[in-house]
PDB file of N, CA and C in Angstrom:
ATOM      1  N   MET A   1     -11.894  -5.303  -7.757  1.00  0.00           N
ATOM      2  CA  MET A   1     -10.730  -4.756  -8.142  1.00  0.00           C
ATOM      3  C   MET A   1     -10.241  -3.996  -7.041  1.00  0.00           C
ATOM      4  N   LEU A   2     -11.094  -3.213  -6.000  1.00  0.00           N
ATOM      5  CA  LEU A   2     -10.680  -2.420  -5.191  1.00  0.00           C
ATOM      6  C   LEU A   2     -10.098  -3.251  -3.905  1.00  0.00           C
ATOM      7  N   ASN A   3     -10.666  -4.451  -3.681  1.00  0.00           N
ATOM      8  CA  ASN A   3     -10.210  -5.466  -2.768  1.00  0.00           C
ATOM      9  C   ASN A   3      -8.892  -6.011  -3.101  1.00  0.00           C
ATOM     10  N   LYS A   4      -8.544  -5.911  -4.228  1.00  0.00           N
ATOM     11  CA  LYS A   4      -7.055  -6.569  -4.655  1.00  0.00           C
ATOM     12  C   LYS A   4      -6.139  -5.342  -4.354  1.00  0.00           C
ATOM     13  N   TYR A   5      -6.520  -4.115  -4.627  1.00  0.00           N
ATOM     14  CA  TYR A   5      -5.650  -3.030  -4.284  1.00  0.00           C
ATOM     15  C   TYR A   5      -5.358  -2.840  -2.781  1.00  0.00           C
ATOM     16  N   ALA A   6      -6.444  -2.863  -1.986  1.00  0.00           N
ATOM     17  CA  ALA A   6      -6.641  -2.799  -0.576  1.00  0.00           C
ATOM     18  C   ALA A   6      -5.840  -3.926   0.147  1.00  0.00           C
ATOM     19  N   PHE A   7      -5.810  -5.153  -0.588  1.00  0.00           N
ATOM     20  CA  PHE A   7      -5.199  -6.223   0.176  1.00  0.00           C
ATOM     21  C   PHE A   7      -3.474  -5.971  -0.162  1.00  0.00           C
ATOM     22  N   ALA A   8      -3.212  -5.571  -1.262  1.00  0.00           N
ATOM     23  CA  ALA A   8      -1.806  -5.092  -1.788  1.00  0.00           C
ATOM     24  C   ALA A   8      -1.382  -4.122  -0.853  1.00  0.00           C
ATOM     25  N   ALA A   9      -2.287  -3.141  -0.577  1.00  0.00           N
ATOM     26  CA  ALA A   9      -1.691  -1.985   0.321  1.00  0.00           C
ATOM     27  C   ALA A   9      -1.335  -2.340   1.778  1.00  0.00           C
ATOM     28  N   ILE A  10      -2.250  -3.180   2.142  1.00  0.00           N
ATOM     29  CA  ILE A  10      -1.944  -3.675   3.547  1.00  0.00           C
ATOM     30  C   ILE A  10      -0.739  -4.656   3.403  1.00  0.00           C
ATOM     31  N   LEU A  11      -0.502  -5.615   2.636  1.00  0.00           N
ATOM     32  CA  LEU A  11       0.590  -6.316   2.555  1.00  0.00           C
ATOM     33  C   LEU A  11       1.965  -5.623   2.666  1.00  0.00           C
ATOM     34  N   VAL A  12       1.833  -4.465   1.745  1.00  0.00           N
ATOM     35  CA  VAL A  12       3.236  -3.684   1.646  1.00  0.00           C
ATOM     36  C   VAL A  12       3.276  -2.905   2.976  1.00  0.00           C
ATOM     37  N   LEU A  13       2.418  -2.453   3.554  1.00  0.00           N
ATOM     38  CA  LEU A  13       2.415  -1.749   4.839  1.00  0.00           C
ATOM     39  C   LEU A  13       2.904  -2.797   6.016  1.00  0.00           C
ATOM     40  N   GLY A  14       2.422  -3.959   6.055  1.00  0.00           N
ATOM     41  CA  GLY A  14       2.755  -4.950   6.875  1.00  0.00           C
ATOM     42  C   GLY A  14       4.371  -5.338   6.766  1.00  0.00           C
ATOM     43  N   LEU A  15       4.648  -5.642   5.384  1.00  0.00           N
ATOM     44  CA  LEU A  15       6.125  -5.753   5.027  1.00  0.00           C
ATOM     45  C   LEU A  15       6.934  -4.644   5.481  1.00  0.00           C
ATOM     46  N   THR A  16       6.731  -3.572   5.386  1.00  0.00           N
ATOM     47  CA  THR A  16       7.442  -2.286   5.610  1.00  0.00           C
ATOM     48  C   THR A  16       7.734  -2.295   7.172  1.00  0.00           C
ATOM     49  N   VAL A  17       6.598  -2.647   7.882  1.00  0.00           N
ATOM     50  CA  VAL A  17       6.644  -2.663   9.484  1.00  0.00           C
ATOM     51  C   VAL A  17       7.681  -3.557   9.709  1.00  0.00           C
ATOM     52  N   LEU A  18       7.559  -4.851   9.200  1.00  0.00           N
ATOM     53  CA  LEU A  18       8.599  -5.811   9.640  1.00  0.00           C
ATOM     54  C   LEU A  18       9.820  -5.320   9.178  1.00  0.00           C
ATOM     55  N   GLY A  19      10.122  -4.903   7.959  1.00  0.00           N
ATOM     56  CA  GLY A  19      11.363  -4.493   7.667  1.00  0.00           C
ATOM     57  C   GLY A  19      12.097  -3.421   8.678  1.00  0.00           C
ATOM     58  N   VAL A  20      11.207  -2.503   8.864  1.00  0.00           N
ATOM     59  CA  VAL A  20      11.588  -1.569  10.001  1.00  0.00           C
ATOM     60  C   VAL A  20      12.051  -2.141  11.281  1.00  0.00           C
ATOM     61  N   THR A  21      11.169  -2.946  11.543  1.00  0.00           N
ATOM     62  CA  THR A  21      11.211  -3.615  13.039  1.00  0.00           C
ATOM     63  C   THR A  21      12.625  -4.585  12.829  1.00  0.00           C
ATOM     64  N   PHE A  22      12.979  -5.285  11.892  1.00  0.00           N
ATOM     65  CA  PHE A  22      14.321  -5.940  11.828  1.00  0.00           C
ATOM     66  C   PHE A  22      15.445  -5.089  11.650  1.00  0.00           C
ATOM     67  N   LEU A  23      15.382  -3.845  11.125  1.00  0.00           N
ATOM     68  CA  LEU A  23      16.473  -2.861  10.802  1.00  0.00           C
ATOM     69  C   LEU A  23      16.922  -2.197  12.121  1.00  0.00           C
ATOM     70  N   VAL A  24      15.815  -1.941  13.023  1.00  0.00           N
ATOM     71  CA  VAL A  24      16.224  -1.252  14.168  1.00  0.00           C
ATOM     72  C   VAL A  24      15.795  -2.006  15.428  1.00  0.00           C
ATOM     73  N   HIS A  25      15.863  -3.449  15.472  1.00  0.00           N
ATOM     74  CA  HIS A  25      15.179  -4.124  16.475  1.00  0.00           C
ATOM     75  C   HIS A  25      15.916  -3.779  17.842  1.00  0.00           C
ATOM     76  N   GLU A  26      17.315  -3.592  17.756  1.00  0.00           N
ATOM     77  CA  GLU A  26      18.037  -3.231  19.211  1.00  0.00           C
ATOM     78  C   GLU A  26      17.536  -1.866  19.680  1.00  0.00           C
ATOM     79  N   GLN A  27      16.943  -1.057  19.022  1.00  0.00           N
ATOM     80  CA  GLN A  27      16.562   0.309  19.561  1.00  0.00           C
ATOM     81  C   GLN A  27      15.266   0.360  19.681  1.00  0.00           C
ATOM     82  N   LEU A  28      14.390  -0.304  19.095  1.00  0.00           N
ATOM     83  CA  LEU A  28      12.954  -0.231  19.031  1.00  0.00           C
ATOM     84  C   LEU A  28      12.173  -0.695  20.229  1.00  0.00           C
ATOM     85  N   CYS A  29      11.054   0.126  20.542  1.00  0.00           N
ATOM     86  CA  CYS A  29      10.275  -0.362  21.778  1.00  0.00           C
ATOM     87  C   CYS A  29       8.699  -0.116  20.967  1.00  0.00           C
ATOM     88  N   GLU A  30       8.644   0.905  20.222  1.00  0.00           N
ATOM     89  CA  GLU A  30       7.280   1.118  19.592  1.00  0.00           C
ATOM     90  C   GLU A  30       7.399   1.899  18.489  1.00  0.00           C
ATOM     91  N   VAL A  31       6.345   1.402  17.402  1.00  0.00           N
ATOM     92  CA  VAL A  31       6.349   2.023  16.200  1.00  0.00           C
ATOM     93  C   VAL A  31       4.796   2.375  16.065  1.00  0.00           C
ATOM     94  N   SER A  32       4.522   3.592  15.522  1.00  0.00           N
ATOM     95  CA  SER A  32       3.124   3.893  15.378  1.00  0.00           C
ATOM     96  C   SER A  32       2.793   4.741  14.101  1.00  0.00           C
ATOM     97  N   PHE A  33       1.975   4.276  13.282  1.00  0.00           N
ATOM     98  CA  PHE A  33       1.679   4.897  12.001  1.00  0.00           C
ATOM     99  C   PHE A  33       0.439   5.472  11.983  1.00  0.00           C
ATOM    100  N   LYS A  34      -0.086   6.783  11.836  1.00  0.00           N
ATOM    101  CA  LYS A  34      -1.372   7.370  12.077  1.00  0.00           C
ATOM    102  C   LYS A  34      -1.709   8.003  10.584  1.00  0.00           C
ATOM    103  N   GLU A  35      -3.049   7.644  10.150  1.00  0.00           N
ATOM    104  CA  GLU A  35      -3.384   8.344   9.012  1.00  0.00           C
ATOM    105  C   GLU A  35      -4.732   8.385   9.038  1.00  0.00           C
ATOM    106  N   ARG A  36      -5.419   9.723   9.111  1.00  0.00           N
ATOM    107  CA  ARG A  36      -6.922   9.840   9.181  1.00  0.00           C
ATOM    108  C   ARG A  36      -7.585   9.094  10.338  1.00  0.00           C
ATOM    109  N   ASP A  37      -8.276   8.139   9.871  1.00  0.00           N
ATOM    110  CA  ASP A  37      -9.121   7.276  10.596  1.00  0.00           C
ATOM    111  C   ASP A  37      -8.292   6.099  11.231  1.00  0.00           C
ATOM    112  N   MET A  38      -7.149   5.706  10.584  1.00  0.00           N
ATOM    113  CA  MET A  38      -6.518   4.402  10.886  1.00  0.00           C
ATOM    114  C   MET A  38      -5.392   4.599  11.737  1.00  0.00           C
ATOM    115  N   GLU A  39      -4.944   3.837  12.584  1.00  0.00           N
ATOM    116  CA  GLU A  39      -3.671   3.824  13.378  1.00  0.00           C
ATOM    117  C   GLU A  39      -3.002   2.248  13.383  1.00  0.00           C
ATOM    118  N   VAL A  40      -1.851   2.365  12.935  1.00  0.00           N
ATOM    119  CA  VAL A  40      -1.136   1.002  13.153  1.00  0.00           C
ATOM    120  C   VAL A  40      -0.128   1.042  14.098  1.00  0.00           C
ATOM    121  N   LYS A  41      -0.108   0.302  15.129  1.00  0.00           N
ATOM    122  CA  LYS A  41       0.855   0.294  16.057  1.00  0.00           C
ATOM    123  C   LYS A  41       1.604  -0.953  16.321  1.00  0.00           C
ATOM    124  N   ALA A  42       2.887  -1.001  16.346  1.00  0.00           N
ATOM    125  CA  ALA A  42       3.639  -2.220  16.765  1.00  0.00           C
ATOM    126  C   ALA A  42       4.423  -2.138  18.128  1.00  0.00           C
ATOM    127  N   VAL A  43       4.143  -2.877  18.778  1.00  0.00           N
ATOM    128  CA  VAL A  43       4.962  -2.789  20.284  1.00  0.00           C
ATOM    129  C   VAL A  43       5.791  -3.967  20.493  1.00  0.00           C
ATOM    130  N   LEU A  44       6.974  -3.772  20.792  1.00  0.00           N
ATOM    131  CA  LEU A  44       7.938  -4.867  21.108  1.00  0.00           C
ATOM    132  C   LEU A  44       8.155  -5.130  22.527  1.00  0.00           C
ATOM    133  N   ALA A  45       7.700  -6.402  23.057  1.00  0.00           N
ATOM    134  CA  ALA A  45       7.878  -6.649  24.410  1.00  0.00           C
ATOM    135  C   ALA A  45       8.394  -7.940  24.635  1.00  0.00           C
ATOM    136  N   TYR A  46       9.482  -7.678  25.410  1.00  0.00           N
ATOM    137  CA  TYR A  46      10.673  -8.920  25.491  1.00  0.00           C
ATOM    138  C   TYR A  46      11.280  -8.820  26.844  1.00  0.00           C
ATOM    139  N   GLU A  47      11.733 -10.013  27.192  1.00  0.00           N
ATOM    140  CA  GLU A  47      12.660 -10.048  28.386  1.00  0.00           C
ATOM    141  C   GLU A  47      14.080 -10.328  27.916  1.00  0.00           C
ATOM    142  N   THR A  48      14.975  -9.745  28.630  1.00  0.00           N
ATOM    143  CA  THR A  48      16.376 -10.010  28.632  1.00  0.00           C
ATOM    144  C   THR A  48      16.753 -11.291  29.002  1.00  0.00           C
ATOM    145  N   LYS A  49      17.769 -12.175  28.383  1.00  0.00           N
ATOM    146  CA  LYS A  49      18.268 -13.110  29.115  1.00  0.00           C
ATOM    147  C   LYS A  49      19.472 -12.930  30.058  1.00  0.00           C
ATOM    148  N   LYS A  50      19.488 -13.719  30.995  1.00  0.00           N
ATOM    149  CA  LYS A  50      20.555 -13.459  32.116  1.00  0.00           C
ATOM    150  C   LYS A  50      21.305 -14.725  31.983  1.00  0.00           C
TER     151      LYS A  50
END
């Protein structure tokens, strides 16, 4: 039962990070969420087209 809720929480967190990334992708370089022992960090690395 606990694994079911943990999976749902991780899924919601991942979808939230993806949603925020798509909303602010032009201004985004790095997003970091830190809570107690856990840190989630998303870094956008890209090269501009010329």
